[in-house]
Amino acid sequence: MGLAQTRPSQVVNKLVTMAAPKELMDSQGKPIFGYFDGPVTDLALERFAYFNEMDKPASSLNKHFHFKQFQFVSLVTPRYIIGVAIADIRYIGSAFCYLYDISKNQITETSWLKPLGMGYRMEPSPMSGCAKISSAKGTIEFNLREGVWHLAITTQSIEAKLELESPPLSLPISLCTPTGYSGWTYTQKHNGLKPKGTLTINAEPQPLNKALAGYDFSAGYMRRETSWRWASINAHTQDGTIGLNLAAGVNETGACENVFWINGERHLLGPVRFEFSRENGNPVSKPVASWRIYSDNGQIDLTFQPRNCRSEKLNLWLLKSNFRQYVGHYSGQIIDNLGNKHTLHKVLGLTEDHFALW
């Protein structure tokens, strides 16, 4: 449930944006940094002038293997949450698709791990291209067509063919920031989208009239050792349809990827802090302390109570991943950039805590 209180004379936060460039690299092979009003068409990786820490041009092998990208879609219906992701870290490709039954508080999942480009593909364009991974376990596929996301899933429990439709004139958050000594990260996300198409779970067709979705496209020359905390909401409230994306740990060199959507209207937000305990474990087996997510300027003040967790730990010597994505309830308040206060009470959403050595 949510309720807005209006203070129309108060503008809380104003960030400067620019028209999205067709290509992310400029004429000198340098990335264009900043917030964009829409997707970048082409990352133009072949033109990126990549240098090592001693200011020498990076080798072609380093330029290839240091690039990482991942794509993620979250789908929320009155009965289920689906999380589906594909990641390419060059050495290996990985993917997961989990199904969360809200009433049973139960997660079932399918995962994939593929070496060196075998059995998966990804294309580094936020506007067009295909990301796909397949095996005997099933197939997941993202198709981007003129910036519109199409999702196909075939697993033991899920059959889906969906198009994610944004509200009229609604903008994603799209930005590029410096990362590490000579890298960069491009992130594009959009929540509060309307899925259209067909969804069947355990042989039962699912209505989509109250379903919502969000996507994440992230790519770039990220730090070899990196971590992030993340929060996401797609929900119907008394205020209308809301979307929220909050993060700490990646896009924070002069900018951040925090944003709130209300009925499609985008409100770019400032930095936030995440307070939680990694000692908690899985909330299904024992009580877990709530998270606190807040901003110093008071725009964000939320608590998150985990209900369940999809986790994975991989220790492959040179590659490591410690991943936890929680499903739970948000309560608290969000103040948009017009000064309107939105109160949340037990609104379902996600958080994530992730360490990667890649």
Protein backbone atom coordinates (compact mmCIF):
# COMPACT_ATOMS: atom_id res chain seq x y z
CA MET A 1 0.00 0.00 0.00
CA GLY A 2 1.21 3.54 -0.63
CA LEU A 3 -0.07 7.03 0.02
CA ALA A 4 1.28 10.32 -1.37
CA GLN A 5 1.29 13.62 0.51
CA THR A 6 1.88 16.65 -1.72
CA ARG A 7 4.19 19.58 -1.10
CA PRO A 8 4.20 21.03 -4.63
CA SER A 9 6.40 24.06 -3.95
CA GLN A 10 9.38 21.99 -2.82
CA VAL A 11 11.76 20.66 -5.49
CA VAL A 12 14.06 18.23 -3.72
CA ASN A 13 16.63 17.08 -6.26
CA LYS A 14 17.72 18.27 -9.70
CA LEU A 15 20.29 16.42 -11.80
CA VAL A 16 21.40 17.53 -15.25
CA THR A 17 20.77 15.05 -18.07
CA MET A 18 21.71 15.04 -21.76
CA ALA A 19 20.36 13.52 -24.94
CA ALA A 20 21.60 9.96 -25.33
CA PRO A 21 24.49 9.74 -27.80
CA LYS A 22 24.14 7.23 -30.61
CA GLU A 23 27.60 5.86 -29.75
CA LEU A 24 29.07 5.78 -26.24
CA MET A 25 32.63 6.49 -27.45
CA ASP A 26 33.62 9.92 -28.73
CA SER A 27 35.92 10.56 -31.69
CA GLN A 28 39.01 9.97 -29.51
CA GLY A 29 37.79 6.63 -28.16
CA LYS A 30 36.82 8.02 -24.76
CA PRO A 31 33.48 7.16 -23.14
CA ILE A 32 30.90 9.91 -22.79
CA PHE A 33 30.04 10.20 -19.10
CA GLY A 34 26.79 11.42 -17.58
CA TYR A 35 23.05 10.86 -17.29
CA PHE A 36 21.21 10.27 -20.56
CA ASP A 37 17.58 10.79 -21.56
CA GLY A 38 17.19 7.39 -23.16
CA PRO A 39 19.26 4.41 -24.25
CA VAL A 40 22.60 4.60 -26.01
CA THR A 41 22.32 2.76 -29.33
CA ASP A 42 25.88 1.40 -29.58
CA LEU A 43 28.60 1.04 -26.92
CA ALA A 44 31.18 1.21 -29.77
CA LEU A 45 33.55 -1.13 -27.94
CA GLU A 46 35.87 -1.45 -30.91
CA ARG A 47 36.70 2.27 -30.65
CA PHE A 48 37.35 2.35 -26.91
CA ALA A 49 40.93 3.53 -26.22
CA TYR A 50 41.81 1.24 -23.32
CA PHE A 51 45.05 1.85 -21.40
CA ASN A 52 46.67 -0.11 -18.60
CA GLU A 53 47.74 1.35 -15.25
CA MET A 54 51.10 2.43 -16.75
CA ASP A 55 49.37 4.43 -19.51
CA LYS A 56 50.22 1.90 -22.21
CA PRO A 57 47.60 0.67 -24.69
CA ALA A 58 46.03 -2.50 -23.31
CA SER A 59 46.57 -5.70 -25.29
CA SER A 60 43.79 -7.02 -27.48
CA LEU A 61 43.39 -9.97 -25.08
CA ASN A 62 43.01 -7.68 -22.06
CA LYS A 63 40.59 -5.47 -23.97
CA HIS A 64 38.48 -8.55 -24.73
CA PHE A 65 38.61 -10.32 -21.36
CA HIS A 66 38.23 -7.24 -19.14
CA PHE A 67 34.82 -6.40 -20.60
CA LYS A 68 31.85 -7.70 -18.56
CA GLN A 69 28.12 -7.48 -19.04
CA PHE A 70 24.93 -8.79 -17.48
CA GLN A 71 21.22 -8.49 -18.11
CA PHE A 72 18.40 -9.11 -15.64
CA VAL A 73 14.61 -9.04 -15.66
CA SER A 74 12.30 -9.13 -12.65
CA LEU A 75 8.65 -10.03 -13.13
CA VAL A 76 6.05 -9.57 -10.37
CA THR A 77 2.52 -11.00 -10.44
CA PRO A 78 0.01 -11.31 -7.56
CA ARG A 79 1.12 -14.95 -7.06
CA TYR A 80 4.75 -15.10 -8.17
CA ILE A 81 8.05 -13.28 -8.60
CA ILE A 82 10.40 -14.39 -11.37
CA GLY A 83 14.04 -13.33 -11.52
CA VAL A 84 16.04 -14.17 -14.63
CA ALA A 85 19.61 -13.15 -15.52
CA ILE A 86 22.40 -13.82 -18.00
CA ALA A 87 26.00 -12.72 -17.37
CA ASP A 88 29.06 -12.83 -19.64
CA ILE A 89 32.37 -12.35 -17.85
CA ARG A 90 34.31 -13.63 -20.88
CA TYR A 91 35.90 -16.61 -19.11
CA ILE A 92 32.48 -18.08 -18.41
CA GLY A 93 28.83 -17.38 -18.98
CA SER A 94 26.31 -17.88 -16.22
CA ALA A 95 22.57 -17.55 -15.83
CA PHE A 96 19.73 -18.26 -13.44
CA CYS A 97 15.95 -18.28 -13.47
CA TYR A 98 14.11 -18.54 -10.17
CA LEU A 99 10.43 -18.75 -9.35
CA TYR A 100 9.21 -17.40 -6.01
CA ASP A 101 5.78 -18.55 -4.84
CA ILE A 102 4.54 -15.67 -2.67
CA SER A 103 1.94 -17.54 -0.62
CA LYS A 104 4.18 -20.57 0.00
CA ASN A 105 7.32 -18.45 0.54
CA GLN A 106 9.17 -20.94 -1.65
CA ILE A 107 11.89 -20.54 -4.29
CA THR A 108 12.68 -23.00 -7.06
CA GLU A 109 15.39 -22.28 -9.59
CA THR A 110 17.30 -23.34 -12.68
CA SER A 111 20.92 -22.25 -13.23
CA TRP A 112 23.46 -22.47 -16.03
CA LEU A 113 27.29 -22.25 -16.12
CA LYS A 114 29.08 -22.29 -19.48
CA PRO A 115 32.80 -21.97 -20.32
CA LEU A 116 34.35 -19.52 -22.80
CA GLY A 117 31.41 -18.60 -24.97
CA MET A 118 30.07 -22.14 -25.38
CA GLY A 119 26.30 -22.46 -25.29
CA TYR A 120 25.51 -18.79 -24.70
CA ARG A 121 25.64 -15.44 -26.47
CA MET A 122 25.33 -11.77 -25.59
CA GLU A 123 25.44 -8.63 -27.70
CA PRO A 124 26.64 -5.34 -26.20
CA SER A 125 23.87 -3.02 -27.36
CA PRO A 126 21.22 -1.51 -25.06
CA MET A 127 18.96 -1.00 -28.09
CA SER A 128 19.14 -4.17 -30.17
CA GLY A 129 20.52 -7.68 -30.04
CA CYS A 130 20.06 -11.02 -28.35
CA ALA A 131 21.24 -12.58 -25.09
CA LYS A 132 20.60 -16.31 -24.86
CA ILE A 133 21.70 -19.35 -22.90
CA SER A 134 20.47 -22.88 -23.45
CA SER A 135 20.94 -26.46 -22.29
CA ALA A 136 18.90 -29.55 -21.48
CA LYS A 137 17.67 -27.65 -18.39
CA GLY A 138 15.93 -25.09 -20.57
CA THR A 139 16.46 -21.78 -22.33
CA ILE A 140 16.29 -18.12 -21.42
CA GLU A 141 16.50 -15.38 -24.00
CA PHE A 142 16.38 -11.58 -24.02
CA ASN A 143 15.74 -9.89 -27.37
CA LEU A 144 16.10 -6.12 -27.57
CA ARG A 145 14.28 -4.57 -30.52
CA GLU A 146 14.57 -0.79 -30.87
CA GLY A 147 14.99 -0.57 -27.11
CA VAL A 148 11.97 -2.75 -26.27
CA TRP A 149 12.74 -5.85 -24.19
CA HIS A 150 11.33 -9.24 -25.19
CA LEU A 151 11.74 -12.16 -22.78
CA ALA A 152 11.41 -15.89 -23.52
CA ILE A 153 11.74 -18.58 -20.84
CA THR A 154 11.48 -22.34 -21.11
CA THR A 155 12.19 -24.29 -17.90
CA GLN A 156 10.54 -27.19 -16.11
CA SER A 157 8.11 -24.86 -14.35
CA ILE A 158 7.96 -21.72 -16.54
CA GLU A 159 6.95 -21.01 -20.12
CA ALA A 160 6.97 -17.33 -21.04
CA LYS A 161 6.95 -15.11 -24.11
CA LEU A 162 6.71 -11.51 -22.97
CA GLU A 163 7.22 -7.96 -24.16
CA LEU A 164 7.97 -5.30 -21.55
CA GLU A 165 6.01 -2.15 -22.35
CA SER A 166 6.89 1.19 -20.74
CA PRO A 167 4.30 3.87 -19.93
CA PRO A 168 4.03 6.68 -22.53
CA LEU A 169 7.00 9.10 -22.37
CA SER A 170 8.58 7.17 -19.49
CA LEU A 171 12.38 7.21 -19.46
CA PRO A 172 14.80 4.61 -18.12
CA ILE A 173 17.75 5.59 -16.03
CA SER A 174 20.71 5.52 -18.38
CA LEU A 175 24.19 6.63 -17.40
CA CYS A 176 27.89 6.04 -17.90
CA THR A 177 30.47 6.60 -15.17
CA PRO A 178 34.23 6.15 -14.77
CA THR A 179 35.18 2.89 -13.04
CA GLY A 180 38.53 2.05 -11.49
CA TYR A 181 41.66 3.58 -13.03
CA SER A 182 40.78 3.47 -16.72
CA GLY A 183 37.44 1.65 -17.02
CA TRP A 184 33.83 2.65 -17.31
CA THR A 185 30.37 1.26 -16.57
CA TYR A 186 27.21 1.81 -18.59
CA THR A 187 23.96 1.07 -16.75
CA GLN A 188 20.39 1.22 -18.02
CA LYS A 189 17.39 0.23 -15.93
CA HIS A 190 13.64 0.70 -16.08
CA ASN A 191 11.00 -0.39 -13.55
CA GLY A 192 7.24 -0.20 -13.49
CA LEU A 193 6.91 -1.78 -16.95
CA LYS A 194 3.85 -3.65 -18.19
CA PRO A 195 4.48 -7.22 -19.45
CA LYS A 196 2.37 -8.36 -22.41
CA GLY A 197 2.21 -11.83 -23.91
CA THR A 198 1.86 -15.25 -22.29
CA LEU A 199 3.08 -16.70 -19.01
CA THR A 200 2.47 -20.28 -17.89
CA ILE A 201 3.65 -21.56 -14.51
CA ASN A 202 3.41 -25.25 -13.64
CA ALA A 203 1.11 -25.76 -16.65
CA GLU A 204 -1.29 -23.05 -15.41
CA PRO A 205 -1.72 -19.89 -17.54
CA GLN A 206 -1.18 -16.71 -15.52
CA PRO A 207 -3.13 -13.46 -15.95
CA LEU A 208 -0.92 -10.44 -16.62
CA ASN A 209 -3.37 -7.60 -15.98
CA LYS A 210 -1.74 -6.81 -12.62
CA ALA A 211 1.79 -7.90 -13.47
CA LEU A 212 4.78 -5.53 -13.51
CA ALA A 213 8.39 -5.87 -14.59
CA GLY A 214 11.76 -4.18 -14.61
CA TYR A 215 15.03 -4.74 -16.48
CA ASP A 216 18.74 -4.11 -15.94
CA PHE A 217 21.36 -3.79 -18.68
CA SER A 218 24.88 -3.22 -17.30
CA ALA A 219 28.16 -3.46 -19.19
CA GLY A 220 31.67 -2.10 -19.21
CA TYR A 221 35.21 -2.35 -17.95
CA MET A 222 34.37 -2.86 -14.30
CA ARG A 223 36.78 -3.34 -11.42
CA ARG A 224 38.47 -6.74 -11.20
CA GLU A 225 37.15 -6.97 -7.63
CA THR A 226 33.79 -5.35 -7.19
CA SER A 227 30.68 -5.49 -5.04
CA TRP A 228 27.32 -3.84 -4.82
CA ARG A 229 24.16 -3.56 -2.80
CA TRP A 230 20.87 -3.13 -4.65
CA ALA A 231 17.18 -2.54 -4.01
CA SER A 232 14.27 -2.83 -6.43
CA ILE A 233 10.49 -2.40 -6.34
CA ASN A 234 7.79 -2.89 -8.98
CA ALA A 235 4.40 -2.40 -7.34
CA HIS A 236 0.85 -1.09 -7.56
CA THR A 237 0.05 1.30 -4.70
CA GLN A 238 -2.64 3.81 -3.85
CA ASP A 239 -0.48 6.43 -5.59
CA GLY A 240 -0.39 4.38 -8.80
CA THR A 241 2.36 2.27 -10.32
CA ILE A 242 5.75 2.74 -8.70
CA GLY A 243 9.23 1.57 -9.61
CA LEU A 244 12.37 1.97 -7.54
CA ASN A 245 16.02 1.20 -8.21
CA LEU A 246 18.67 1.92 -5.58
CA ALA A 247 22.29 0.79 -5.56
CA ALA A 248 25.65 1.38 -3.92
CA GLY A 249 29.01 0.11 -5.06
CA VAL A 250 29.36 0.46 -8.85
CA ASN A 251 28.14 3.68 -10.52
CA GLU A 252 29.43 6.10 -7.92
CA THR A 253 32.20 8.16 -9.52
CA GLY A 254 30.32 11.45 -9.58
CA ALA A 255 26.94 9.82 -10.25
CA CYS A 256 24.68 7.02 -9.05
CA GLU A 257 21.93 4.88 -10.53
CA ASN A 258 19.22 5.69 -8.01
CA VAL A 259 15.80 6.49 -9.40
CA PHE A 260 12.10 6.44 -8.52
CA TRP A 261 9.27 6.13 -11.04
CA ILE A 262 5.69 7.10 -10.25
CA ASN A 263 3.19 6.30 -13.03
CA GLY A 264 6.13 6.32 -15.45
CA GLU A 265 7.53 9.69 -14.39
CA ARG A 266 11.26 9.41 -13.65
CA HIS A 267 12.78 11.03 -10.56
CA LEU A 268 16.57 10.77 -10.38
CA LEU A 269 17.81 10.47 -6.80
CA GLY A 270 21.06 11.02 -4.93
CA PRO A 271 23.25 8.48 -3.08
CA VAL A 272 21.84 6.04 -0.54
CA ARG A 273 23.26 3.94 2.27
CA PHE A 274 22.57 0.25 2.96
CA GLU A 275 22.73 -1.07 6.53
CA PHE A 276 22.33 -4.84 7.02
CA SER A 277 24.14 -7.89 8.35
CA ARG A 278 25.80 -10.50 6.17
CA GLU A 279 25.61 -12.92 9.09
CA ASN A 280 21.88 -13.35 8.62
CA GLY A 281 21.78 -16.33 6.28
CA ASN A 282 18.47 -17.51 4.82
CA PRO A 283 15.28 -16.03 6.38
CA VAL A 284 13.37 -19.28 5.68
CA SER A 285 15.44 -21.22 8.22
CA LYS A 286 15.77 -18.51 10.90
CA PRO A 287 14.62 -14.96 11.60
CA VAL A 288 16.62 -12.32 9.74
CA ALA A 289 17.18 -8.73 10.80
CA SER A 290 15.73 -6.06 8.56
CA TRP A 291 17.78 -3.86 6.24
CA ARG A 292 17.75 -0.08 6.44
CA ILE A 293 18.15 1.84 3.18
CA TYR A 294 18.25 5.62 3.40
CA SER A 295 19.67 8.83 1.96
CA ASP A 296 21.36 11.60 3.90
CA ASN A 297 19.01 14.22 2.43
CA GLY A 298 15.93 12.36 3.73
CA GLN A 299 14.39 11.48 0.35
CA ILE A 300 14.72 7.76 1.02
CA ASP A 301 14.01 6.16 4.39
CA LEU A 302 13.07 2.51 4.02
CA THR A 303 13.26 -0.73 5.95
CA PHE A 304 13.30 -4.08 4.16
CA GLN A 305 12.28 -7.31 5.89
CA PRO A 306 13.60 -10.38 4.03
CA ARG A 307 11.31 -13.39 3.57
CA ASN A 308 13.42 -15.62 1.33
CA CYS A 309 16.77 -15.66 -0.45
CA ARG A 310 18.26 -16.93 -3.68
CA SER A 311 21.99 -17.39 -2.99
CA GLU A 312 25.03 -18.81 -4.77
CA LYS A 313 28.72 -19.03 -3.87
CA LEU A 314 31.31 -19.84 -6.53
CA ASN A 315 35.02 -20.10 -5.76
CA LEU A 316 36.86 -20.88 -8.99
CA TRP A 317 40.27 -19.58 -7.82
CA LEU A 318 40.71 -16.67 -10.25
CA LEU A 319 36.95 -16.11 -10.33
CA LYS A 320 34.73 -15.76 -7.29
CA SER A 321 31.12 -14.81 -6.67
CA ASN A 322 29.15 -14.48 -3.45
CA PHE A 323 25.58 -13.66 -4.46
CA ARG A 324 22.46 -13.15 -2.35
CA GLN A 325 19.19 -11.82 -3.68
CA TYR A 326 16.40 -11.44 -1.13
CA VAL A 327 12.63 -11.23 -1.55
CA GLY A 328 10.82 -9.31 1.16
CA HIS A 329 8.71 -6.35 2.21
CA TYR A 330 9.49 -2.62 2.16
CA SER A 331 8.07 -0.08 4.56
CA GLY A 332 8.93 3.58 4.97
CA GLN A 333 8.87 6.65 2.77
CA ILE A 334 10.11 8.04 -0.54
CA ILE A 335 10.00 11.77 -1.33
CA ASP A 336 10.00 12.45 -5.06
CA ASN A 337 11.67 15.45 -6.69
CA LEU A 338 8.49 17.52 -6.54
CA GLY A 339 8.31 17.08 -2.77
CA ASN A 340 5.53 14.48 -2.81
CA LYS A 341 5.86 11.97 0.02
CA HIS A 342 5.04 8.34 -0.79
CA THR A 343 4.46 6.05 2.18
CA LEU A 344 5.05 2.31 1.74
CA HIS A 345 3.72 -0.43 4.00
CA LYS A 346 4.77 -4.03 3.34
CA VAL A 347 5.35 -3.53 -0.37
CA LEU A 348 6.97 -6.58 -1.97
CA GLY A 349 10.39 -6.11 -3.55
CA LEU A 350 14.00 -7.28 -3.85
CA THR A 351 17.41 -6.54 -2.39
CA GLU A 352 20.80 -7.91 -3.36
CA ASP A 353 24.28 -8.20 -1.88
CA HIS A 354 26.97 -9.34 -4.33
CA PHE A 355 30.76 -9.70 -4.30
CA ALA A 356 32.55 -10.61 -7.53
CA LEU A 357 36.16 -11.27 -8.45
CA TRP A 358 36.14 -11.41 -12.23
